[in-house]
Amino acid sequence: MRDEKRIKRILELIERIWKTNPDLRFGQFLINYGIAKDDLMTWKMEDDELEEGLKKLIKNELSKI
């Protein structure tokens, strides 16, 4: 099993880097830093859309438990 502590470590690194350019949307951040493939859908996604999608994902995953 993978070390669960890696999640917090990685998210903290993302937070440190993203804070240097807080005006970037998350998709732009991922693409600009070469973390994600350059994709128009990712580039244009607003953070509130991402947030809603994550909330839906959480709701769906928690319903499986």
PDB file of N, CA and C in Angstrom:
ATOM      1  N   MET A   1       0.838  -1.180   0.000  1.00  0.00           N
ATOM      2  CA  MET A   1       0.000   0.000   0.000  1.00  0.00           C
ATOM      3  C   MET A   1       0.888   1.251   0.000  1.00  0.00           C
ATOM      4  N   ARG A   2       0.456   2.242  -0.705  1.00  0.00           N
ATOM      5  CA  ARG A   2       1.219   3.495  -0.775  1.00  0.00           C
ATOM      6  C   ARG A   2       1.077   4.287   0.520  1.00  0.00           C
ATOM      7  N   ASP A   3       2.096   5.070   0.800  1.00  0.00           N
ATOM      8  CA  ASP A   3       2.119   5.913   1.993  1.00  0.00           C
ATOM      9  C   ASP A   3       1.068   7.013   1.857  1.00  0.00           C
ATOM     10  N   GLU A   4       0.078   7.007   2.725  1.00  0.00           N
ATOM     11  CA  GLU A   4      -0.989   8.011   2.655  1.00  0.00           C
ATOM     12  C   GLU A   4      -0.481   9.424   2.946  1.00  0.00           C
ATOM     13  N   LYS A   5       0.644   9.543   3.630  1.00  0.00           N
ATOM     14  CA  LYS A   5       1.203  10.865   3.956  1.00  0.00           C
ATOM     15  C   LYS A   5       1.652  11.605   2.704  1.00  0.00           C
ATOM     16  N   ARG A   6       1.859  10.868   1.615  1.00  0.00           N
ATOM     17  CA  ARG A   6       2.289  11.495   0.364  1.00  0.00           C
ATOM     18  C   ARG A   6       1.257  12.493  -0.142  1.00  0.00           C
ATOM     19  N   ILE A   7      -0.015  12.227   0.133  1.00  0.00           N
ATOM     20  CA  ILE A   7      -1.083  13.100  -0.367  1.00  0.00           C
ATOM     21  C   ILE A   7      -0.921  14.502   0.209  1.00  0.00           C
ATOM     22  N   LYS A   8      -0.763  14.585   1.505  1.00  0.00           N
ATOM     23  CA  LYS A   8      -0.597  15.891   2.155  1.00  0.00           C
ATOM     24  C   LYS A   8       0.683  16.570   1.675  1.00  0.00           C
ATOM     25  N   ARG A   9       1.764  15.790   1.565  1.00  0.00           N
ATOM     26  CA  ARG A   9       3.034  16.370   1.116  1.00  0.00           C
ATOM     27  C   ARG A   9       2.896  16.981  -0.279  1.00  0.00           C
ATOM     28  N   ILE A  10       2.257  16.250  -1.180  1.00  0.00           N
ATOM     29  CA  ILE A  10       2.102  16.728  -2.558  1.00  0.00           C
ATOM     30  C   ILE A  10       1.187  17.945  -2.608  1.00  0.00           C
ATOM     31  N   LEU A  11       0.075  17.900  -1.878  1.00  0.00           N
ATOM     32  CA  LEU A  11      -0.842  19.040  -1.870  1.00  0.00           C
ATOM     33  C   LEU A  11      -0.191  20.286  -1.290  1.00  0.00           C
ATOM     34  N   GLU A  12       0.654  20.117  -0.293  1.00  0.00           N
ATOM     35  CA  GLU A  12       1.367  21.266   0.273  1.00  0.00           C
ATOM     36  C   GLU A  12       2.343  21.862  -0.738  1.00  0.00           C
ATOM     37  N   LEU A  13       2.995  21.011  -1.526  1.00  0.00           N
ATOM     38  CA  LEU A  13       3.896  21.513  -2.564  1.00  0.00           C
ATOM     39  C   LEU A  13       3.123  22.277  -3.630  1.00  0.00           C
ATOM     40  N   ILE A  14       1.995  21.729  -4.046  1.00  0.00           N
ATOM     41  CA  ILE A  14       1.157  22.416  -5.029  1.00  0.00           C
ATOM     42  C   ILE A  14       0.728  23.768  -4.479  1.00  0.00           C
ATOM     43  N   GLU A  15       0.302  23.797  -3.224  1.00  0.00           N
ATOM     44  CA  GLU A  15      -0.129  25.055  -2.612  1.00  0.00           C
ATOM     45  C   GLU A  15       0.996  26.091  -2.619  1.00  0.00           C
ATOM     46  N   ARG A  16       2.197  25.687  -2.257  1.00  0.00           N
ATOM     47  CA  ARG A  16       3.331  26.633  -2.226  1.00  0.00           C
ATOM     48  C   ARG A  16       3.591  27.230  -3.603  1.00  0.00           C
ATOM     49  N   ILE A  17       3.565  26.387  -4.621  1.00  0.00           N
ATOM     50  CA  ILE A  17       3.847  26.873  -5.977  1.00  0.00           C
ATOM     51  C   ILE A  17       2.695  27.733  -6.485  1.00  0.00           C
ATOM     52  N   TRP A  18       1.454  27.279  -6.298  1.00  0.00           N
ATOM     53  CA  TRP A  18       0.292  28.003  -6.822  1.00  0.00           C
ATOM     54  C   TRP A  18       0.183  29.385  -6.193  1.00  0.00           C
ATOM     55  N   LYS A  19       0.563  29.515  -4.934  1.00  0.00           N
ATOM     56  CA  LYS A  19       0.493  30.807  -4.258  1.00  0.00           C
ATOM     57  C   LYS A  19       1.420  31.844  -4.885  1.00  0.00           C
ATOM     58  N   THR A  20       2.413  31.405  -5.657  1.00  0.00           N
ATOM     59  CA  THR A  20       3.286  32.362  -6.337  1.00  0.00           C
ATOM     60  C   THR A  20       2.589  33.004  -7.529  1.00  0.00           C
ATOM     61  N   ASN A  21       1.506  32.377  -8.017  1.00  0.00           N
ATOM     62  CA  ASN A  21       0.702  32.893  -9.129  1.00  0.00           C
ATOM     63  C   ASN A  21      -0.782  32.665  -8.829  1.00  0.00           C
ATOM     64  N   PRO A  22      -1.308  33.336  -7.808  1.00  0.00           N
ATOM     65  CA  PRO A  22      -2.682  33.046  -7.372  1.00  0.00           C
ATOM     66  C   PRO A  22      -3.766  33.429  -8.374  1.00  0.00           C
ATOM     67  N   ASP A  23      -3.427  34.215  -9.385  1.00  0.00           N
ATOM     68  CA  ASP A  23      -4.431  34.589 -10.379  1.00  0.00           C
ATOM     69  C   ASP A  23      -4.684  33.489 -11.406  1.00  0.00           C
ATOM     70  N   LEU A  24      -3.815  32.487 -11.432  1.00  0.00           N
ATOM     71  CA  LEU A  24      -4.022  31.373 -12.356  1.00  0.00           C
ATOM     72  C   LEU A  24      -5.158  30.498 -11.860  1.00  0.00           C
ATOM     73  N   ARG A  25      -5.998  30.060 -12.796  1.00  0.00           N
ATOM     74  CA  ARG A  25      -6.955  29.017 -12.449  1.00  0.00           C
ATOM     75  C   ARG A  25      -6.158  27.730 -12.271  1.00  0.00           C
ATOM     76  N   PHE A  26      -6.746  26.758 -11.577  1.00  0.00           N
ATOM     77  CA  PHE A  26      -6.010  25.531 -11.292  1.00  0.00           C
ATOM     78  C   PHE A  26      -5.585  24.818 -12.574  1.00  0.00           C
ATOM     79  N   GLY A  27      -6.478  24.765 -13.559  1.00  0.00           N
ATOM     80  CA  GLY A  27      -6.126  24.139 -14.831  1.00  0.00           C
ATOM     81  C   GLY A  27      -4.956  24.830 -15.503  1.00  0.00           C
ATOM     82  N   GLN A  28      -4.941  26.159 -15.457  1.00  0.00           N
ATOM     83  CA  GLN A  28      -3.827  26.913 -16.031  1.00  0.00           C
ATOM     84  C   GLN A  28      -2.537  26.609 -15.279  1.00  0.00           C
ATOM     85  N   PHE A  29      -2.644  26.538 -13.959  1.00  0.00           N
ATOM     86  CA  PHE A  29      -1.490  26.211 -13.127  1.00  0.00           C
ATOM     87  C   PHE A  29      -0.897  24.862 -13.549  1.00  0.00           C
ATOM     88  N   LEU A  30      -1.757  23.860 -13.672  1.00  0.00           N
ATOM     89  CA  LEU A  30      -1.292  22.521 -14.043  1.00  0.00           C
ATOM     90  C   LEU A  30      -0.614  22.505 -15.401  1.00  0.00           C
ATOM     91  N   ILE A  31      -1.184  23.213 -16.354  1.00  0.00           N
ATOM     92  CA  ILE A  31      -0.622  23.240 -17.705  1.00  0.00           C
ATOM     93  C   ILE A  31       0.651  24.073 -17.758  1.00  0.00           C
ATOM     94  N   ASN A  32       0.626  25.255 -17.169  1.00  0.00           N
ATOM     95  CA  ASN A  32       1.798  26.141 -17.218  1.00  0.00           C
ATOM     96  C   ASN A  32       3.040  25.517 -16.598  1.00  0.00           C
ATOM     97  N   TYR A  33       2.857  24.719 -15.566  1.00  0.00           N
ATOM     98  CA  TYR A  33       3.992  24.099 -14.905  1.00  0.00           C
ATOM     99  C   TYR A  33       4.273  22.692 -15.433  1.00  0.00           C
ATOM    100  N   GLY A  34       3.600  22.302 -16.494  1.00  0.00           N
ATOM    101  CA  GLY A  34       3.866  21.029 -17.134  1.00  0.00           C
ATOM    102  C   GLY A  34       3.396  19.821 -16.344  1.00  0.00           C
ATOM    103  N   ILE A  35       2.453  20.038 -15.439  1.00  0.00           N
ATOM    104  CA  ILE A  35       1.940  18.943 -14.620  1.00  0.00           C
ATOM    105  C   ILE A  35       0.869  18.168 -15.377  1.00  0.00           C
ATOM    106  N   ALA A  36       0.099  18.882 -16.197  1.00  0.00           N
ATOM    107  CA  ALA A  36      -0.974  18.251 -16.969  1.00  0.00           C
ATOM    108  C   ALA A  36      -0.771  18.530 -18.450  1.00  0.00           C
ATOM    109  N   LYS A  37      -1.331  17.668 -19.259  1.00  0.00           N
ATOM    110  CA  LYS A  37      -1.298  17.821 -20.706  1.00  0.00           C
ATOM    111  C   LYS A  37      -2.041  19.101 -21.095  1.00  0.00           C
ATOM    112  N   ASP A  38      -1.499  19.817 -22.061  1.00  0.00           N
ATOM    113  CA  ASP A  38      -2.136  21.038 -22.543  1.00  0.00           C
ATOM    114  C   ASP A  38      -3.447  20.669 -23.221  1.00  0.00           C
ATOM    115  N   ASP A  39      -4.530  21.031 -22.586  1.00  0.00           N
ATOM    116  CA  ASP A  39      -5.864  20.666 -23.030  1.00  0.00           C
ATOM    117  C   ASP A  39      -6.764  21.882 -22.875  1.00  0.00           C
ATOM    118  N   LEU A  40      -7.462  22.269 -23.919  1.00  0.00           N
ATOM    119  CA  LEU A  40      -8.287  23.470 -23.881  1.00  0.00           C
ATOM    120  C   LEU A  40      -9.342  23.394 -22.783  1.00  0.00           C
ATOM    121  N   MET A  41      -9.921  22.214 -22.574  1.00  0.00           N
ATOM    122  CA  MET A  41     -10.941  22.071 -21.541  1.00  0.00           C
ATOM    123  C   MET A  41     -10.348  22.337 -20.153  1.00  0.00           C
ATOM    124  N   THR A  42      -9.165  21.803 -19.901  1.00  0.00           N
ATOM    125  CA  THR A  42      -8.486  22.028 -18.620  1.00  0.00           C
ATOM    126  C   THR A  42      -8.131  23.500 -18.469  1.00  0.00           C
ATOM    127  N   TRP A  43      -7.634  24.112 -19.525  1.00  0.00           N
ATOM    128  CA  TRP A  43      -7.203  25.506 -19.495  1.00  0.00           C
ATOM    129  C   TRP A  43      -8.357  26.439 -19.172  1.00  0.00           C
ATOM    130  N   LYS A  44      -9.521  26.174 -19.743  1.00  0.00           N
ATOM    131  CA  LYS A  44     -10.664  27.080 -19.602  1.00  0.00           C
ATOM    132  C   LYS A  44     -11.510  26.842 -18.355  1.00  0.00           C
ATOM    133  N   MET A  45     -11.347  25.694 -17.696  1.00  0.00           N
ATOM    134  CA  MET A  45     -12.195  25.366 -16.557  1.00  0.00           C
ATOM    135  C   MET A  45     -12.005  26.371 -15.417  1.00  0.00           C
ATOM    136  N   GLU A  46     -13.105  26.926 -14.972  1.00  0.00           N
ATOM    137  CA  GLU A  46     -13.074  27.831 -13.835  1.00  0.00           C
ATOM    138  C   GLU A  46     -12.928  27.013 -12.556  1.00  0.00           C
ATOM    139  N   ASP A  47     -12.318  27.616 -11.554  1.00  0.00           N
ATOM    140  CA  ASP A  47     -12.093  26.900 -10.305  1.00  0.00           C
ATOM    141  C   ASP A  47     -13.397  26.486  -9.625  1.00  0.00           C
ATOM    142  N   ASP A  48     -14.440  27.294  -9.780  1.00  0.00           N
ATOM    143  CA  ASP A  48     -15.711  26.918  -9.150  1.00  0.00           C
ATOM    144  C   ASP A  48     -16.294  25.669  -9.814  1.00  0.00           C
ATOM    145  N   GLU A  49     -16.048  25.486 -11.118  1.00  0.00           N
ATOM    146  CA  GLU A  49     -16.482  24.261 -11.797  1.00  0.00           C
ATOM    147  C   GLU A  49     -15.711  23.054 -11.264  1.00  0.00           C
ATOM    148  N   LEU A  50     -14.424  23.228 -11.097  1.00  0.00           N
ATOM    149  CA  LEU A  50     -13.592  22.168 -10.544  1.00  0.00           C
ATOM    150  C   LEU A  50     -14.055  21.810  -9.140  1.00  0.00           C
ATOM    151  N   GLU A  51     -14.311  22.829  -8.346  1.00  0.00           N
ATOM    152  CA  GLU A  51     -14.757  22.614  -6.969  1.00  0.00           C
ATOM    153  C   GLU A  51     -16.069  21.832  -6.927  1.00  0.00           C
ATOM    154  N   GLU A  52     -17.012  22.192  -7.779  1.00  0.00           N
ATOM    155  CA  GLU A  52     -18.298  21.477  -7.828  1.00  0.00           C
ATOM    156  C   GLU A  52     -18.102  20.028  -8.269  1.00  0.00           C
ATOM    157  N   GLY A  53     -17.231  19.830  -9.244  1.00  0.00           N
ATOM    158  CA  GLY A  53     -16.950  18.471  -9.699  1.00  0.00           C
ATOM    159  C   GLY A  53     -16.330  17.624  -8.594  1.00  0.00           C
ATOM    160  N   LEU A  54     -15.442  18.218  -7.818  1.00  0.00           N
ATOM    161  CA  LEU A  54     -14.832  17.494  -6.705  1.00  0.00           C
ATOM    162  C   LEU A  54     -15.864  17.166  -5.634  1.00  0.00           C
ATOM    163  N   LYS A  55     -16.764  18.095  -5.367  1.00  0.00           N
ATOM    164  CA  LYS A  55     -17.825  17.845  -4.379  1.00  0.00           C
ATOM    165  C   LYS A  55     -18.719  16.692  -4.826  1.00  0.00           C
ATOM    166  N   LYS A  56     -19.054  16.647  -6.120  1.00  0.00           N
ATOM    167  CA  LYS A  56     -19.874  15.549  -6.642  1.00  0.00           C
ATOM    168  C   LYS A  56     -19.132  14.225  -6.523  1.00  0.00           C
ATOM    169  N   LEU A  57     -17.853  14.258  -6.820  1.00  0.00           N
ATOM    170  CA  LEU A  57     -17.037  13.058  -6.728  1.00  0.00           C
ATOM    171  C   LEU A  57     -17.015  12.547  -5.280  1.00  0.00           C
ATOM    172  N   ILE A  58     -16.823  13.449  -4.337  1.00  0.00           N
ATOM    173  CA  ILE A  58     -16.825  13.071  -2.924  1.00  0.00           C
ATOM    174  C   ILE A  58     -18.156  12.469  -2.533  1.00  0.00           C
ATOM    175  N   LYS A  59     -19.241  13.109  -2.941  1.00  0.00           N
ATOM    176  CA  LYS A  59     -20.578  12.615  -2.617  1.00  0.00           C
ATOM    177  C   LYS A  59     -20.776  11.207  -3.174  1.00  0.00           C
ATOM    178  N   ASN A  60     -20.356  10.995  -4.406  1.00  0.00           N
ATOM    179  CA  ASN A  60     -20.493   9.665  -5.034  1.00  0.00           C
ATOM    180  C   ASN A  60     -19.638   8.629  -4.336  1.00  0.00           C
ATOM    181  N   GLU A  61     -18.422   8.996  -3.986  1.00  0.00           N
ATOM    182  CA  GLU A  61     -17.507   8.038  -3.332  1.00  0.00           C
ATOM    183  C   GLU A  61     -18.019   7.699  -1.932  1.00  0.00           C
ATOM    184  N   LEU A  62     -18.508   8.686  -1.207  1.00  0.00           N
ATOM    185  CA  LEU A  62     -18.996   8.433   0.145  1.00  0.00           C
ATOM    186  C   LEU A  62     -20.263   7.591   0.137  1.00  0.00           C
ATOM    187  N   SER A  63     -21.028   7.665  -0.931  1.00  0.00           N
ATOM    188  CA  SER A  63     -22.254   6.866  -1.007  1.00  0.00           C
ATOM    189  C   SER A  63     -21.923   5.384  -1.196  1.00  0.00           C
ATOM    190  N   LYS A  64     -20.720   5.070  -1.624  1.00  0.00           N
ATOM    191  CA  LYS A  64     -20.307   3.685  -1.830  1.00  0.00           C
ATOM    192  C   LYS A  64     -19.918   3.002  -0.521  1.00  0.00           C
ATOM    193  N   ILE A  65     -19.668   3.804   0.496  1.00  0.00           N
ATOM    194  CA  ILE A  65     -19.186   3.242   1.786  1.00  0.00           C
ATOM    195  C   ILE A  65     -20.355   2.702   2.594  1.00  0.00           C
TER     196      ILE A  65
END
